[in-house]
Amino acid sequence: MGDSAEKSSKPSFFKGLKAEFKKISWPDRESTIKQSVAVVAISIAVGLIIAVLDYIIQYGVNILTSL
């Protein structure tokens, strides 16, 4: 029943997809490197903050449980 409608919509879908891909503006190499370095630096900073908070909370729990 719907086979003919499906077959005719697939080529138009791929044409539309190709047209949309042509509209994409990719960042240049320098911008990509800067953003990647920022992501890595922020990830390390957040990891360190979480590690310090974990150590402090663990120390507090150990004090409370030893009472």
N, C-alpha and C. Protein backbone atom coordinates (compact mmCIF):
# COMPACT_ATOMS: atom_id res chain seq x y z
N MET A 1 0.81 -1.19 0.00
CA MET A 1 0.00 0.00 0.00
C MET A 1 0.85 1.26 0.00
N GLY A 2 1.71 1.43 1.03
CA GLY A 2 2.50 2.64 1.14
C GLY A 2 3.88 2.52 0.53
N ASP A 3 4.12 1.48 -0.25
CA ASP A 3 5.45 1.27 -0.81
C ASP A 3 5.86 2.36 -1.79
N SER A 4 4.96 2.80 -2.63
CA SER A 4 5.31 3.80 -3.62
C SER A 4 5.61 5.15 -2.97
N ALA A 5 4.88 5.48 -1.90
CA ALA A 5 5.13 6.74 -1.21
C ALA A 5 6.48 6.69 -0.48
N GLU A 6 6.82 5.53 0.09
CA GLU A 6 8.10 5.38 0.79
C GLU A 6 9.27 5.50 -0.18
N LYS A 7 9.16 4.86 -1.34
CA LYS A 7 10.25 4.86 -2.30
C LYS A 7 10.50 6.25 -2.88
N SER A 8 9.47 7.03 -3.05
CA SER A 8 9.67 8.37 -3.61
C SER A 8 10.17 9.35 -2.57
N SER A 9 9.96 9.08 -1.26
CA SER A 9 10.41 10.01 -0.23
C SER A 9 11.88 9.82 0.12
N LYS A 10 12.44 8.63 -0.12
CA LYS A 10 13.83 8.39 0.24
C LYS A 10 14.80 9.25 -0.57
N PRO A 11 14.69 9.34 -1.89
CA PRO A 11 15.62 10.20 -2.62
C PRO A 11 15.51 11.67 -2.21
N SER A 12 14.31 12.14 -1.94
CA SER A 12 14.17 13.54 -1.54
C SER A 12 14.76 13.76 -0.14
N PHE A 13 14.68 12.73 0.70
CA PHE A 13 15.29 12.85 2.03
C PHE A 13 16.80 13.01 1.91
N PHE A 14 17.43 12.19 1.06
CA PHE A 14 18.88 12.27 0.91
C PHE A 14 19.30 13.55 0.21
N LYS A 15 18.50 14.07 -0.69
CA LYS A 15 18.81 15.35 -1.32
C LYS A 15 18.76 16.47 -0.29
N GLY A 16 17.74 16.41 0.57
CA GLY A 16 17.63 17.41 1.64
C GLY A 16 18.77 17.30 2.63
N LEU A 17 19.17 16.08 2.92
CA LEU A 17 20.28 15.85 3.84
C LEU A 17 21.57 16.43 3.28
N LYS A 18 21.80 16.19 2.00
CA LYS A 18 22.99 16.71 1.33
C LYS A 18 22.99 18.23 1.34
N ALA A 19 21.82 18.83 1.11
CA ALA A 19 21.71 20.30 1.11
C ALA A 19 22.00 20.85 2.51
N GLU A 20 21.53 20.17 3.54
CA GLU A 20 21.78 20.63 4.90
C GLU A 20 23.25 20.50 5.28
N PHE A 21 23.91 19.45 4.82
CA PHE A 21 25.34 19.28 5.11
C PHE A 21 26.16 20.38 4.46
N LYS A 22 25.72 20.89 3.33
CA LYS A 22 26.44 21.98 2.67
C LYS A 22 26.33 23.28 3.46
N LYS A 23 25.30 23.42 4.29
CA LYS A 23 25.09 24.63 5.07
C LYS A 23 25.94 24.67 6.35
N ILE A 24 26.52 23.54 6.72
CA ILE A 24 27.30 23.47 7.97
C ILE A 24 28.57 24.29 7.82
N SER A 25 28.85 25.11 8.83
CA SER A 25 30.12 25.84 8.85
C SER A 25 30.98 25.24 9.95
N TRP A 26 32.01 24.52 9.54
CA TRP A 26 32.87 23.84 10.48
C TRP A 26 33.88 24.83 11.05
N PRO A 27 34.25 24.69 12.34
CA PRO A 27 35.25 25.60 12.92
C PRO A 27 36.63 25.33 12.33
N ASP A 28 37.47 26.36 12.36
CA ASP A 28 38.82 26.17 11.84
C ASP A 28 39.66 25.41 12.86
N ARG A 29 40.85 25.02 12.45
CA ARG A 29 41.72 24.17 13.26
C ARG A 29 42.11 24.86 14.57
N GLU A 30 42.43 26.14 14.50
CA GLU A 30 42.87 26.87 15.70
C GLU A 30 41.75 26.93 16.74
N SER A 31 40.55 27.20 16.29
CA SER A 31 39.41 27.27 17.20
C SER A 31 39.13 25.91 17.84
N THR A 32 39.23 24.86 17.06
CA THR A 32 39.01 23.51 17.57
C THR A 32 40.04 23.15 18.63
N ILE A 33 41.29 23.50 18.39
CA ILE A 33 42.35 23.20 19.36
C ILE A 33 42.12 23.98 20.65
N LYS A 34 41.78 25.27 20.54
CA LYS A 34 41.54 26.08 21.74
C LYS A 34 40.38 25.52 22.56
N GLN A 35 39.31 25.14 21.89
CA GLN A 35 38.16 24.61 22.61
C GLN A 35 38.47 23.25 23.23
N SER A 36 39.26 22.44 22.56
CA SER A 36 39.64 21.14 23.11
C SER A 36 40.51 21.31 24.35
N VAL A 37 41.45 22.23 24.30
CA VAL A 37 42.31 22.50 25.46
C VAL A 37 41.46 23.01 26.62
N ALA A 38 40.48 23.86 26.34
CA ALA A 38 39.62 24.38 27.40
C ALA A 38 38.81 23.25 28.04
N VAL A 39 38.30 22.34 27.24
CA VAL A 39 37.52 21.22 27.77
C VAL A 39 38.38 20.33 28.66
N VAL A 40 39.60 20.04 28.22
CA VAL A 40 40.49 19.19 29.01
C VAL A 40 40.87 19.88 30.32
N ALA A 41 41.20 21.18 30.25
CA ALA A 41 41.59 21.91 31.45
C ALA A 41 40.44 21.98 32.46
N ILE A 42 39.25 22.26 31.99
CA ILE A 42 38.10 22.34 32.89
C ILE A 42 37.79 20.96 33.48
N SER A 43 37.93 19.93 32.69
CA SER A 43 37.69 18.57 33.19
C SER A 43 38.68 18.21 34.29
N ILE A 44 39.94 18.58 34.12
CA ILE A 44 40.95 18.32 35.16
C ILE A 44 40.64 19.12 36.41
N ALA A 45 40.26 20.39 36.24
CA ALA A 45 39.95 21.24 37.40
C ALA A 45 38.76 20.70 38.18
N VAL A 46 37.71 20.31 37.48
CA VAL A 46 36.54 19.76 38.15
C VAL A 46 36.88 18.43 38.83
N GLY A 47 37.70 17.62 38.19
CA GLY A 47 38.14 16.37 38.81
C GLY A 47 38.90 16.60 40.10
N LEU A 48 39.78 17.59 40.09
CA LEU A 48 40.53 17.92 41.31
C LEU A 48 39.61 18.43 42.41
N ILE A 49 38.65 19.26 42.06
CA ILE A 49 37.70 19.76 43.06
C ILE A 49 36.92 18.61 43.67
N ILE A 50 36.45 17.70 42.83
CA ILE A 50 35.70 16.54 43.34
C ILE A 50 36.59 15.67 44.23
N ALA A 51 37.85 15.49 43.86
CA ALA A 51 38.76 14.67 44.65
C ALA A 51 39.00 15.31 46.02
N VAL A 52 39.18 16.61 46.06
CA VAL A 52 39.40 17.30 47.33
C VAL A 52 38.15 17.21 48.21
N LEU A 53 36.99 17.45 47.62
CA LEU A 53 35.76 17.34 48.39
C LEU A 53 35.55 15.92 48.91
N ASP A 54 35.87 14.94 48.10
CA ASP A 54 35.75 13.54 48.52
C ASP A 54 36.66 13.25 49.70
N TYR A 55 37.88 13.76 49.64
CA TYR A 55 38.83 13.55 50.74
C TYR A 55 38.32 14.20 52.02
N ILE A 56 37.81 15.42 51.92
CA ILE A 56 37.32 16.15 53.10
C ILE A 56 36.11 15.42 53.70
N ILE A 57 35.18 15.00 52.86
CA ILE A 57 34.00 14.30 53.36
C ILE A 57 34.39 12.95 53.98
N GLN A 58 35.32 12.25 53.35
CA GLN A 58 35.77 10.97 53.88
C GLN A 58 36.43 11.18 55.25
N TYR A 59 37.23 12.21 55.39
CA TYR A 59 37.88 12.52 56.66
C TYR A 59 36.83 12.84 57.73
N GLY A 60 35.81 13.61 57.37
CA GLY A 60 34.74 13.95 58.31
C GLY A 60 33.95 12.73 58.72
N VAL A 61 33.64 11.86 57.81
CA VAL A 61 32.89 10.64 58.13
C VAL A 61 33.73 9.73 59.03
N ASN A 62 35.01 9.63 58.74
CA ASN A 62 35.89 8.80 59.59
C ASN A 62 35.94 9.35 61.02
N ILE A 63 35.96 10.64 61.16
CA ILE A 63 35.96 11.24 62.52
C ILE A 63 34.65 10.92 63.23
N LEU A 64 33.53 11.07 62.50
CA LEU A 64 32.23 10.81 63.11
C LEU A 64 32.04 9.34 63.48
N THR A 65 32.53 8.45 62.66
CA THR A 65 32.36 7.02 62.95
C THR A 65 33.31 6.51 64.04
N SER A 66 34.38 7.24 64.32
CA SER A 66 35.32 6.80 65.34
C SER A 66 34.92 7.28 66.74
N LEU A 67 33.88 8.06 66.84
CA LEU A 67 33.45 8.57 68.15
C LEU A 67 32.82 7.51 69.00
